Every structure is written in structure tokens, then in C-alpha cells.
mmCIF file of all heavy atoms, coordinates in Angstrom:
data_MODEL
# 
_entry.id   MODEL 
# 
loop_
_atom_site.group_PDB 
_atom_site.id 
_atom_site.type_symbol 
_atom_site.label_atom_id 
_atom_site.label_alt_id 
_atom_site.label_comp_id 
_atom_site.label_asym_id 
_atom_site.label_entity_id 
_atom_site.label_seq_id 
_atom_site.pdbx_PDB_ins_code 
_atom_site.Cartn_x 
_atom_site.Cartn_y 
_atom_site.Cartn_z 
_atom_site.occupancy 
_atom_site.B_iso_or_equiv 
_atom_site.pdbx_formal_charge 
_atom_site.auth_seq_id 
_atom_site.auth_comp_id 
_atom_site.auth_asym_id 
_atom_site.auth_atom_id 
_atom_site.pdbx_PDB_model_num 
ATOM 1   N N   . VAL A 1 1  ? 112.753 93.131  108.811 1.00 0.00 ? 1  VAL A N   1 
ATOM 2   C CA  . VAL A 1 1  ? 112.576 93.659  107.466 1.00 0.00 ? 1  VAL A CA  1 
ATOM 3   C C   . VAL A 1 1  ? 113.625 94.769  107.231 1.00 0.00 ? 1  VAL A C   1 
ATOM 4   O O   . VAL A 1 1  ? 113.778 95.662  108.086 1.00 0.00 ? 1  VAL A O   1 
ATOM 5   C CB  . VAL A 1 1  ? 111.186 94.216  107.285 1.00 0.00 ? 1  VAL A CB  1 
ATOM 6   C CG1 . VAL A 1 1  ? 111.026 94.757  105.842 1.00 0.00 ? 1  VAL A CG1 1 
ATOM 7   C CG2 . VAL A 1 1  ? 110.135 93.115  107.527 1.00 0.00 ? 1  VAL A CG2 1 
ATOM 8   N N   . ASN A 1 2  ? 114.280 94.671  106.115 1.00 0.00 ? 2  ASN A N   1 
ATOM 9   C CA  . ASN A 1 2  ? 115.213 95.720  105.726 1.00 0.00 ? 2  ASN A CA  1 
ATOM 10  C C   . ASN A 1 2  ? 114.541 97.062  105.583 1.00 0.00 ? 2  ASN A C   1 
ATOM 11  O O   . ASN A 1 2  ? 113.553 97.221  104.937 1.00 0.00 ? 2  ASN A O   1 
ATOM 12  C CB  . ASN A 1 2  ? 115.910 95.310  104.419 1.00 0.00 ? 2  ASN A CB  1 
ATOM 13  C CG  . ASN A 1 2  ? 117.047 96.255  104.036 1.00 0.00 ? 2  ASN A CG  1 
ATOM 14  O OD1 . ASN A 1 2  ? 117.095 97.433  104.310 1.00 0.00 ? 2  ASN A OD1 1 
ATOM 15  N ND2 . ASN A 1 2  ? 118.092 95.651  103.380 1.00 0.00 ? 2  ASN A ND2 1 
ATOM 16  N N   . ILE A 1 3  ? 115.093 98.119  106.254 1.00 0.00 ? 3  ILE A N   1 
ATOM 17  C CA  . ILE A 1 3  ? 114.519 99.445  106.163 1.00 0.00 ? 3  ILE A CA  1 
ATOM 18  C C   . ILE A 1 3  ? 114.460 99.979  104.738 1.00 0.00 ? 3  ILE A C   1 
ATOM 19  O O   . ILE A 1 3  ? 113.573 100.682 104.350 1.00 0.00 ? 3  ILE A O   1 
ATOM 20  C CB  . ILE A 1 3  ? 115.301 100.462 107.077 1.00 0.00 ? 3  ILE A CB  1 
ATOM 21  C CG1 . ILE A 1 3  ? 114.602 101.823 107.113 1.00 0.00 ? 3  ILE A CG1 1 
ATOM 22  C CG2 . ILE A 1 3  ? 116.719 100.593 106.548 1.00 0.00 ? 3  ILE A CG2 1 
ATOM 23  C CD1 . ILE A 1 3  ? 113.244 101.790 107.731 1.00 0.00 ? 3  ILE A CD1 1 
ATOM 24  N N   . GLY A 1 4  ? 115.433 99.469  103.939 1.00 0.00 ? 4  GLY A N   1 
ATOM 25  C CA  . GLY A 1 4  ? 115.420 99.897  102.523 1.00 0.00 ? 4  GLY A CA  1 
ATOM 26  C C   . GLY A 1 4  ? 114.208 99.406  101.767 1.00 0.00 ? 4  GLY A C   1 
ATOM 27  O O   . GLY A 1 4  ? 113.706 100.053 100.940 1.00 0.00 ? 4  GLY A O   1 
ATOM 28  N N   . ASP A 1 5  ? 113.812 98.159  102.138 1.00 0.00 ? 5  ASP A N   1 
ATOM 29  C CA  . ASP A 1 5  ? 112.548 97.625  101.511 1.00 0.00 ? 5  ASP A CA  1 
ATOM 30  C C   . ASP A 1 5  ? 111.313 98.400  101.884 1.00 0.00 ? 5  ASP A C   1 
ATOM 31  O O   . ASP A 1 5  ? 110.418 98.667  101.026 1.00 0.00 ? 5  ASP A O   1 
ATOM 32  C CB  . ASP A 1 5  ? 112.389 96.130  101.913 1.00 0.00 ? 5  ASP A CB  1 
ATOM 33  C CG  . ASP A 1 5  ? 113.504 95.255  101.348 1.00 0.00 ? 5  ASP A CG  1 
ATOM 34  O OD1 . ASP A 1 5  ? 114.133 95.600  100.314 1.00 0.00 ? 5  ASP A OD1 1 
ATOM 35  O OD2 . ASP A 1 5  ? 113.719 94.209  101.951 1.00 0.00 ? 5  ASP A OD2 1 
ATOM 36  N N   . LEU A 1 6  ? 111.239 98.827  103.151 1.00 0.00 ? 6  LEU A N   1 
ATOM 37  C CA  . LEU A 1 6  ? 110.076 99.636  103.604 1.00 0.00 ? 6  LEU A CA  1 
ATOM 38  C C   . LEU A 1 6  ? 110.070 100.957 102.824 1.00 0.00 ? 6  LEU A C   1 
ATOM 39  O O   . LEU A 1 6  ? 108.966 101.433 102.402 1.00 0.00 ? 6  LEU A O   1 
ATOM 40  C CB  . LEU A 1 6  ? 110.195 99.900  105.079 1.00 0.00 ? 6  LEU A CB  1 
ATOM 41  C CG  . LEU A 1 6  ? 110.051 98.643  105.936 1.00 0.00 ? 6  LEU A CG  1 
ATOM 42  C CD1 . LEU A 1 6  ? 110.158 99.021  107.440 1.00 0.00 ? 6  LEU A CD1 1 
ATOM 43  C CD2 . LEU A 1 6  ? 108.710 97.916  105.694 1.00 0.00 ? 6  LEU A CD2 1 
ATOM 44  N N   . TYR A 1 7  ? 111.245 101.634 102.691 1.00 0.00 ? 7  TYR A N   1 
ATOM 45  C CA  . TYR A 1 7  ? 111.275 102.861 101.882 1.00 0.00 ? 7  TYR A CA  1 
ATOM 46  C C   . TYR A 1 7  ? 110.812 102.619 100.446 1.00 0.00 ? 7  TYR A C   1 
ATOM 47  O O   . TYR A 1 7  ? 110.105 103.430 99.895  1.00 0.00 ? 7  TYR A O   1 
ATOM 48  C CB  . TYR A 1 7  ? 112.719 103.414 101.918 1.00 0.00 ? 7  TYR A CB  1 
ATOM 49  C CG  . TYR A 1 7  ? 113.122 104.140 103.142 1.00 0.00 ? 7  TYR A CG  1 
ATOM 50  C CD1 . TYR A 1 7  ? 114.332 103.878 103.795 1.00 0.00 ? 7  TYR A CD1 1 
ATOM 51  C CD2 . TYR A 1 7  ? 112.276 105.090 103.734 1.00 0.00 ? 7  TYR A CD2 1 
ATOM 52  C CE1 . TYR A 1 7  ? 114.676 104.592 104.933 1.00 0.00 ? 7  TYR A CE1 1 
ATOM 53  C CE2 . TYR A 1 7  ? 112.642 105.745 104.900 1.00 0.00 ? 7  TYR A CE2 1 
ATOM 54  C CZ  . TYR A 1 7  ? 113.817 105.515 105.464 1.00 0.00 ? 7  TYR A CZ  1 
ATOM 55  O OH  . TYR A 1 7  ? 114.199 106.175 106.644 1.00 0.00 ? 7  TYR A OH  1 
ATOM 56  N N   . THR A 1 8  ? 111.263 101.546 99.855  1.00 0.00 ? 8  THR A N   1 
ATOM 57  C CA  . THR A 1 8  ? 110.931 101.215 98.437  1.00 0.00 ? 8  THR A CA  1 
ATOM 58  C C   . THR A 1 8  ? 109.498 100.954 98.284  1.00 0.00 ? 8  THR A C   1 
ATOM 59  O O   . THR A 1 8  ? 108.850 101.391 97.300  1.00 0.00 ? 8  THR A O   1 
ATOM 60  C CB  . THR A 1 8  ? 111.756 100.007 97.940  1.00 0.00 ? 8  THR A CB  1 
ATOM 61  O OG1 . THR A 1 8  ? 113.150 100.273 98.173  1.00 0.00 ? 8  THR A OG1 1 
ATOM 62  C CG2 . THR A 1 8  ? 111.517 99.828  96.471  1.00 0.00 ? 8  THR A CG2 1 
ATOM 63  N N   . ILE A 1 9  ? 108.864 100.212 99.264  1.00 0.00 ? 9  ILE A N   1 
ATOM 64  C CA  . ILE A 1 9  ? 107.438 100.046 99.210  1.00 0.00 ? 9  ILE A CA  1 
ATOM 65  C C   . ILE A 1 9  ? 106.625 101.317 99.299  1.00 0.00 ? 9  ILE A C   1 
ATOM 66  O O   . ILE A 1 9  ? 105.692 101.600 98.550  1.00 0.00 ? 9  ILE A O   1 
ATOM 67  C CB  . ILE A 1 9  ? 106.981 99.095  100.366 1.00 0.00 ? 9  ILE A CB  1 
ATOM 68  C CG1 . ILE A 1 9  ? 107.576 97.652  100.138 1.00 0.00 ? 9  ILE A CG1 1 
ATOM 69  C CG2 . ILE A 1 9  ? 105.466 98.974  100.412 1.00 0.00 ? 9  ILE A CG2 1 
ATOM 70  C CD1 . ILE A 1 9  ? 107.385 96.718  101.322 1.00 0.00 ? 9  ILE A CD1 1 
ATOM 71  N N   . ALA A 1 10 ? 107.090 102.215 100.153 1.00 0.00 ? 10 ALA A N   1 
ATOM 72  C CA  . ALA A 1 10 ? 106.462 103.545 100.338 1.00 0.00 ? 10 ALA A CA  1 
ATOM 73  C C   . ALA A 1 10 ? 106.548 104.278 99.015  1.00 0.00 ? 10 ALA A C   1 
ATOM 74  O O   . ALA A 1 10 ? 105.622 104.928 98.564  1.00 0.00 ? 10 ALA A O   1 
ATOM 75  C CB  . ALA A 1 10 ? 107.082 104.303 101.433 1.00 0.00 ? 10 ALA A CB  1 
ATOM 76  N N   . GLY A 1 11 ? 107.705 104.142 98.360  1.00 0.00 ? 11 GLY A N   1 
ATOM 77  C CA  . GLY A 1 11 ? 107.888 104.830 97.051  1.00 0.00 ? 11 GLY A CA  1 
ATOM 78  C C   . GLY A 1 11 ? 106.990 104.244 96.009  1.00 0.00 ? 11 GLY A C   1 
ATOM 79  O O   . GLY A 1 11 ? 106.449 104.982 95.167  1.00 0.00 ? 11 GLY A O   1 
ATOM 80  N N   . ALA A 1 12 ? 106.774 102.929 96.053  1.00 0.00 ? 12 ALA A N   1 
ATOM 81  C CA  . ALA A 1 12 ? 105.911 102.278 95.051  1.00 0.00 ? 12 ALA A CA  1 
ATOM 82  C C   . ALA A 1 12 ? 104.488 102.720 95.194  1.00 0.00 ? 12 ALA A C   1 
ATOM 83  O O   . ALA A 1 12 ? 103.730 102.920 94.194  1.00 0.00 ? 12 ALA A O   1 
ATOM 84  C CB  . ALA A 1 12 ? 105.992 100.754 95.187  1.00 0.00 ? 12 ALA A CB  1 
ATOM 85  N N   . VAL A 1 13 ? 104.009 102.950 96.430  1.00 0.00 ? 13 VAL A N   1 
ATOM 86  C CA  . VAL A 1 13 ? 102.671 103.466 96.723  1.00 0.00 ? 13 VAL A CA  1 
ATOM 87  C C   . VAL A 1 13 ? 102.514 104.840 96.147  1.00 0.00 ? 13 VAL A C   1 
ATOM 88  O O   . VAL A 1 13 ? 101.529 105.162 95.454  1.00 0.00 ? 13 VAL A O   1 
ATOM 89  C CB  . VAL A 1 13 ? 102.364 103.405 98.205  1.00 0.00 ? 13 VAL A CB  1 
ATOM 90  C CG1 . VAL A 1 13 ? 101.037 104.111 98.496  1.00 0.00 ? 13 VAL A CG1 1 
ATOM 91  C CG2 . VAL A 1 13 ? 102.311 101.966 98.733  1.00 0.00 ? 13 VAL A CG2 1 
ATOM 92  N N   . ALA A 1 14 ? 103.528 105.705 96.445  1.00 0.00 ? 14 ALA A N   1 
ATOM 93  C CA  . ALA A 1 14 ? 103.468 107.109 95.944  1.00 0.00 ? 14 ALA A CA  1 
ATOM 94  C C   . ALA A 1 14 ? 103.482 107.136 94.454  1.00 0.00 ? 14 ALA A C   1 
ATOM 95  O O   . ALA A 1 14 ? 102.809 107.916 93.828  1.00 0.00 ? 14 ALA A O   1 
ATOM 96  C CB  . ALA A 1 14 ? 104.610 107.896 96.600  1.00 0.00 ? 14 ALA A CB  1 
ATOM 97  N N   . PHE A 1 15 ? 104.316 106.299 93.845  1.00 0.00 ? 15 PHE A N   1 
ATOM 98  C CA  . PHE A 1 15 ? 104.406 106.264 92.398  1.00 0.00 ? 15 PHE A CA  1 
ATOM 99  C C   . PHE A 1 15 ? 103.152 105.783 91.750  1.00 0.00 ? 15 PHE A C   1 
ATOM 100 O O   . PHE A 1 15 ? 102.781 106.224 90.655  1.00 0.00 ? 15 PHE A O   1 
ATOM 101 C CB  . PHE A 1 15 ? 105.574 105.439 91.980  1.00 0.00 ? 15 PHE A CB  1 
ATOM 102 C CG  . PHE A 1 15 ? 105.935 105.565 90.542  1.00 0.00 ? 15 PHE A CG  1 
ATOM 103 C CD1 . PHE A 1 15 ? 106.452 106.809 90.017  1.00 0.00 ? 15 PHE A CD1 1 
ATOM 104 C CD2 . PHE A 1 15 ? 105.857 104.521 89.624  1.00 0.00 ? 15 PHE A CD2 1 
ATOM 105 C CE1 . PHE A 1 15 ? 106.755 106.931 88.745  1.00 0.00 ? 15 PHE A CE1 1 
ATOM 106 C CE2 . PHE A 1 15 ? 106.137 104.696 88.298  1.00 0.00 ? 15 PHE A CE2 1 
ATOM 107 C CZ  . PHE A 1 15 ? 106.609 105.861 87.860  1.00 0.00 ? 15 PHE A CZ  1 
ATOM 108 N N   . ALA A 1 16 ? 102.447 104.860 92.415  1.00 0.00 ? 16 ALA A N   1 
ATOM 109 C CA  . ALA A 1 16 ? 101.130 104.381 91.885  1.00 0.00 ? 16 ALA A CA  1 
ATOM 110 C C   . ALA A 1 16 ? 100.157 105.551 91.927  1.00 0.00 ? 16 ALA A C   1 
ATOM 111 O O   . ALA A 1 16 ? 99.388  105.686 90.922  1.00 0.00 ? 16 ALA A O   1 
ATOM 112 C CB  . ALA A 1 16 ? 100.639 103.265 92.796  1.00 0.00 ? 16 ALA A CB  1 
ATOM 113 N N   . VAL A 1 17 ? 100.181 106.379 92.967  1.00 0.00 ? 17 VAL A N   1 
ATOM 114 C CA  . VAL A 1 17 ? 99.292  107.533 93.002  1.00 0.00 ? 17 VAL A CA  1 
ATOM 115 C C   . VAL A 1 17 ? 99.621  108.488 91.882  1.00 0.00 ? 17 VAL A C   1 
ATOM 116 O O   . VAL A 1 17 ? 98.720  108.986 91.211  1.00 0.00 ? 17 VAL A O   1 
ATOM 117 C CB  . VAL A 1 17 ? 99.437  108.248 94.337  1.00 0.00 ? 17 VAL A CB  1 
ATOM 118 C CG1 . VAL A 1 17 ? 98.633  109.599 94.312  1.00 0.00 ? 17 VAL A CG1 1 
ATOM 119 C CG2 . VAL A 1 17 ? 98.969  107.410 95.506  1.00 0.00 ? 17 VAL A CG2 1 
ATOM 120 N N   . TYR A 1 18 ? 100.883 108.633 91.603  1.00 0.00 ? 18 TYR A N   1 
ATOM 121 C CA  . TYR A 1 18 ? 101.320 109.534 90.505  1.00 0.00 ? 18 TYR A CA  1 
ATOM 122 C C   . TYR A 1 18 ? 100.786 109.055 89.181  1.00 0.00 ? 18 TYR A C   1 
ATOM 123 O O   . TYR A 1 18 ? 100.228 109.838 88.398  1.00 0.00 ? 18 TYR A O   1 
ATOM 124 C CB  . TYR A 1 18 ? 102.813 109.585 90.444  1.00 0.00 ? 18 TYR A CB  1 
ATOM 125 C CG  . TYR A 1 18 ? 103.437 110.147 89.219  1.00 0.00 ? 18 TYR A CG  1 
ATOM 126 C CD1 . TYR A 1 18 ? 103.401 111.488 88.931  1.00 0.00 ? 18 TYR A CD1 1 
ATOM 127 C CD2 . TYR A 1 18 ? 103.986 109.284 88.248  1.00 0.00 ? 18 TYR A CD2 1 
ATOM 128 C CE1 . TYR A 1 18 ? 103.907 111.999 87.744  1.00 0.00 ? 18 TYR A CE1 1 
ATOM 129 C CE2 . TYR A 1 18 ? 104.515 109.838 87.056  1.00 0.00 ? 18 TYR A CE2 1 
ATOM 130 C CZ  . TYR A 1 18 ? 104.446 111.169 86.830  1.00 0.00 ? 18 TYR A CZ  1 
ATOM 131 O OH  . TYR A 1 18 ? 105.006 111.656 85.615  1.00 0.00 ? 18 TYR A OH  1 
ATOM 132 N N   . LEU A 1 19 ? 100.930 107.783 88.849  1.00 0.00 ? 19 LEU A N   1 
ATOM 133 C CA  . LEU A 1 19 ? 100.477 107.186 87.596  1.00 0.00 ? 19 LEU A CA  1 
ATOM 134 C C   . LEU A 1 19 ? 98.997  107.348 87.399  1.00 0.00 ? 19 LEU A C   1 
ATOM 135 O O   . LEU A 1 19 ? 98.478  107.657 86.315  1.00 0.00 ? 19 LEU A O   1 
ATOM 136 C CB  . LEU A 1 19 ? 100.908 105.768 87.435  1.00 0.00 ? 19 LEU A CB  1 
ATOM 137 C CG  . LEU A 1 19 ? 102.397 105.475 87.199  1.00 0.00 ? 19 LEU A CG  1 
ATOM 138 C CD1 . LEU A 1 19 ? 102.628 103.977 87.189  1.00 0.00 ? 19 LEU A CD1 1 
ATOM 139 C CD2 . LEU A 1 19 ? 102.853 106.098 85.902  1.00 0.00 ? 19 LEU A CD2 1 
ATOM 140 N N   . ILE A 1 20 ? 98.251  107.131 88.476  1.00 0.00 ? 20 ILE A N   1 
ATOM 141 C CA  . ILE A 1 20 ? 96.785  107.272 88.423  1.00 0.00 ? 20 ILE A CA  1 
ATOM 142 C C   . ILE A 1 20 ? 96.351  108.713 88.161  1.00 0.00 ? 20 ILE A C   1 
ATOM 143 O O   . ILE A 1 20 ? 95.479  108.987 87.341  1.00 0.00 ? 20 ILE A O   1 
ATOM 144 C CB  . ILE A 1 20 ? 96.097  106.771 89.755  1.00 0.00 ? 20 ILE A CB  1 
ATOM 145 C CG1 . ILE A 1 20 ? 96.338  105.239 89.836  1.00 0.00 ? 20 ILE A CG1 1 
ATOM 146 C CG2 . ILE A 1 20 ? 94.631  107.160 89.768  1.00 0.00 ? 20 ILE A CG2 1 
ATOM 147 C CD1 . ILE A 1 20 ? 95.867  104.634 91.200  1.00 0.00 ? 20 ILE A CD1 1 
ATOM 148 N N   . LYS A 1 21 ? 97.024  109.673 88.846  1.00 0.00 ? 21 LYS A N   1 
ATOM 149 C CA  . LYS A 1 21 ? 96.816  111.078 88.623  1.00 0.00 ? 21 LYS A CA  1 
ATOM 150 C C   . LYS A 1 21 ? 97.145  111.520 87.174  1.00 0.00 ? 21 LYS A C   1 
ATOM 151 O O   . LYS A 1 21 ? 96.459  112.315 86.549  1.00 0.00 ? 21 LYS A O   1 
ATOM 152 C CB  . LYS A 1 21 ? 97.550  111.940 89.614  1.00 0.00 ? 21 LYS A CB  1 
ATOM 153 C CG  . LYS A 1 21 ? 96.965  111.902 91.027  1.00 0.00 ? 21 LYS A CG  1 
ATOM 154 C CD  . LYS A 1 21 ? 97.672  112.900 91.924  1.00 0.00 ? 21 LYS A CD  1 
ATOM 155 C CE  . LYS A 1 21 ? 96.988  112.989 93.224  1.00 0.00 ? 21 LYS A CE  1 
ATOM 156 N NZ  . LYS A 1 21 ? 95.606  113.662 93.079  1.00 0.00 ? 21 LYS A NZ  1 
ATOM 157 N N   . VAL A 1 22 ? 98.240  110.969 86.647  1.00 0.00 ? 22 VAL A N   1 
ATOM 158 C CA  . VAL A 1 22 ? 98.659  111.294 85.259  1.00 0.00 ? 22 VAL A CA  1 
ATOM 159 C C   . VAL A 1 22 ? 97.528  110.827 84.309  1.00 0.00 ? 22 VAL A C   1 
ATOM 160 O O   . VAL A 1 22 ? 97.192  111.496 83.360  1.00 0.00 ? 22 VAL A O   1 
ATOM 161 C CB  . VAL A 1 22 ? 100.024 110.640 84.926  1.00 0.00 ? 22 VAL A CB  1 
ATOM 162 C CG1 . VAL A 1 22 ? 100.226 110.766 83.381  1.00 0.00 ? 22 VAL A CG1 1 
ATOM 163 C CG2 . VAL A 1 22 ? 101.083 111.348 85.639  1.00 0.00 ? 22 VAL A CG2 1 
ATOM 164 N N   . GLU A 1 23 ? 97.134  109.583 84.531  1.00 0.00 ? 23 GLU A N   1 
ATOM 165 C CA  . GLU A 1 23 ? 96.041  108.993 83.706  1.00 0.00 ? 23 GLU A CA  1 
ATOM 166 C C   . GLU A 1 23 ? 94.777  109.911 83.697  1.00 0.00 ? 23 GLU A C   1 
ATOM 167 O O   . GLU A 1 23 ? 94.168  110.209 82.692  1.00 0.00 ? 23 GLU A O   1 
ATOM 168 C CB  . GLU A 1 23 ? 95.695  107.606 84.116  1.00 0.00 ? 23 GLU A CB  1 
ATOM 169 C CG  . GLU A 1 23 ? 94.576  106.956 83.269  1.00 0.00 ? 23 GLU A CG  1 
ATOM 170 C CD  . GLU A 1 23 ? 94.163  105.614 83.831  1.00 0.00 ? 23 GLU A CD  1 
ATOM 171 O OE1 . GLU A 1 23 ? 93.914  105.491 85.000  1.00 0.00 ? 23 GLU A OE1 1 
ATOM 172 O OE2 . GLU A 1 23 ? 94.136  104.639 83.043  1.00 0.00 ? 23 GLU A OE2 1 
ATOM 173 N N   . THR A 1 24 ? 94.370  110.376 84.946  1.00 0.00 ? 24 THR A N   1 
ATOM 174 C CA  . THR A 1 24 ? 93.218  111.180 85.080  1.00 0.00 ? 24 THR A CA  1 
ATOM 175 C C   . THR A 1 24 ? 93.308  112.490 84.361  1.00 0.00 ? 24 THR A C   1 
ATOM 176 O O   . THR A 1 24 ? 92.424  112.918 83.634  1.00 0.00 ? 24 THR A O   1 
ATOM 177 C CB  . THR A 1 24 ? 92.918  111.412 86.558  1.00 0.00 ? 24 THR A CB  1 
ATOM 178 O OG1 . THR A 1 24 ? 92.793  110.163 87.257  1.00 0.00 ? 24 THR A OG1 1 
ATOM 179 C CG2 . THR A 1 24 ? 91.700  112.227 86.778  1.00 0.00 ? 24 THR A CG2 1 
ATOM 180 N N   . HIS A 1 25 ? 94.426  113.152 84.524  1.00 0.00 ? 25 HIS A N   1 
ATOM 181 C CA  . HIS A 1 25 ? 94.614  114.475 83.934  1.00 0.00 ? 25 HIS A CA  1 
ATOM 182 C C   . HIS A 1 25 ? 94.820  114.389 82.403  1.00 0.00 ? 25 HIS A C   1 
ATOM 183 O O   . HIS A 1 25 ? 94.345  115.261 81.628  1.00 0.00 ? 25 HIS A O   1 
ATOM 184 C CB  . HIS A 1 25 ? 95.826  115.157 84.497  1.00 0.00 ? 25 HIS A CB  1 
ATOM 185 C CG  . HIS A 1 25 ? 95.660  115.726 85.919  1.00 0.00 ? 25 HIS A CG  1 
ATOM 186 N ND1 . HIS A 1 25 ? 94.728  116.672 86.256  1.00 0.00 ? 25 HIS A ND1 1 
ATOM 187 C CD2 . HIS A 1 25 ? 96.191  115.295 87.088  1.00 0.00 ? 25 HIS A CD2 1 
ATOM 188 C CE1 . HIS A 1 25 ? 94.764  116.926 87.562  1.00 0.00 ? 25 HIS A CE1 1 
ATOM 189 N NE2 . HIS A 1 25 ? 95.638  116.091 88.093  1.00 0.00 ? 25 HIS A NE2 1 
ATOM 190 N N   . SER A 1 26 ? 95.458  113.334 81.937  1.00 0.00 ? 26 SER A N   1 
ATOM 191 C CA  . SER A 1 26 ? 95.722  113.238 80.489  1.00 0.00 ? 26 SER A CA  1 
ATOM 192 C C   . SER A 1 26 ? 94.473  112.952 79.722  1.00 0.00 ? 26 SER A C   1 
ATOM 193 O O   . SER A 1 26 ? 94.462  113.175 78.492  1.00 0.00 ? 26 SER A O   1 
ATOM 194 C CB  . SER A 1 26 ? 96.769  112.076 80.266  1.00 0.00 ? 26 SER A CB  1 
ATOM 195 O OG  . SER A 1 26 ? 96.210  110.856 80.639  1.00 0.00 ? 26 SER A OG  1 
ATOM 196 N N   . ARG A 1 27 ? 93.357  112.514 80.317  1.00 0.00 ? 27 ARG A N   1 
ATOM 197 C CA  . ARG A 1 27 ? 92.116  112.309 79.593  1.00 0.00 ? 27 ARG A CA  1 
ATOM 198 C C   . ARG A 1 27 ? 91.514  113.601 79.111  1.00 0.00 ? 27 ARG A C   1 
ATOM 199 O O   . ARG A 1 27 ? 90.765  113.648 78.113  1.00 0.00 ? 27 ARG A O   1 
ATOM 200 C CB  . ARG A 1 27 ? 91.175  111.563 80.527  1.00 0.00 ? 27 ARG A CB  1 
ATOM 201 C CG  . ARG A 1 27 ? 91.522  110.083 80.728  1.00 0.00 ? 27 ARG A CG  1 
ATOM 202 C CD  . ARG A 1 27 ? 90.577  109.506 81.829  1.00 0.00 ? 27 ARG A CD  1 
ATOM 203 N NE  . ARG A 1 27 ? 90.866  108.103 82.029  1.00 0.00 ? 27 ARG A NE  1 
ATOM 204 C CZ  . ARG A 1 27 ? 90.310  107.435 83.054  1.00 0.00 ? 27 ARG A CZ  1 
ATOM 205 N NH1 . ARG A 1 27 ? 89.459  107.967 83.869  1.00 0.00 ? 27 ARG A NH1 1 
ATOM 206 N NH2 . ARG A 1 27 ? 90.663  106.144 83.277  1.00 0.00 ? 27 ARG A NH2 1 
ATOM 207 N N   . SER A 1 28 ? 91.725  114.734 79.896  1.00 0.00 ? 28 SER A N   1 
ATOM 208 C CA  . SER A 1 28 ? 91.013  115.969 79.655  1.00 0.00 ? 28 SER A CA  1 
ATOM 209 C C   . SER A 1 28 ? 91.877  117.072 79.079  1.00 0.00 ? 28 SER A C   1 
ATOM 210 O O   . SER A 1 28 ? 91.381  118.117 78.697  1.00 0.00 ? 28 SER A O   1 
ATOM 211 C CB  . SER A 1 28 ? 90.311  116.427 80.904  1.00 0.00 ? 28 SER A CB  1 
ATOM 212 O OG  . SER A 1 28 ? 91.259  116.647 81.950  1.00 0.00 ? 28 SER A OG  1 
ATOM 213 N N   . LYS A 1 29 ? 93.233  116.906 79.060  1.00 0.00 ? 29 LYS A N   1 
ATOM 214 C CA  . LYS A 1 29 ? 94.085  117.989 78.666  1.00 0.00 ? 29 LYS A CA  1 
ATOM 215 C C   . LYS A 1 29 ? 95.434  117.463 78.109  1.00 0.00 ? 29 LYS A C   1 
ATOM 216 O O   . LYS A 1 29 ? 95.746  116.276 78.217  1.00 0.00 ? 29 LYS A O   1 
ATOM 217 C CB  . LYS A 1 29 ? 94.398  118.874 79.842  1.00 0.00 ? 29 LYS A CB  1 
ATOM 218 C CG  . LYS A 1 29 ? 95.165  118.233 80.938  1.00 0.00 ? 29 LYS A CG  1 
ATOM 219 C CD  . LYS A 1 29 ? 95.265  119.103 82.209  1.00 0.00 ? 29 LYS A CD  1 
ATOM 220 C CE  . LYS A 1 29 ? 93.925  119.088 82.957  1.00 0.00 ? 29 LYS A CE  1 
ATOM 221 N NZ  . LYS A 1 29 ? 94.045  119.747 84.254  1.00 0.00 ? 29 LYS A NZ  1 
# 
């Protein structure tokens, strides 16, 4: 597996966390 793909997958997971947190915070403020 290309190491670049593994880095990108890790980035996708972190970015998913970011979007969920933005949704959570934007509901109340």
C-alpha cells in the first residue's frame, strides 16, 4: 500500500472528526 494513501486515510478520519465537532458546536453558538 502506498504510504501516501495511508496518510490520506488518516487525514480523512481526522477531518471527519472536525466536521462532526463543527456541527456540534454550531448548534449552540
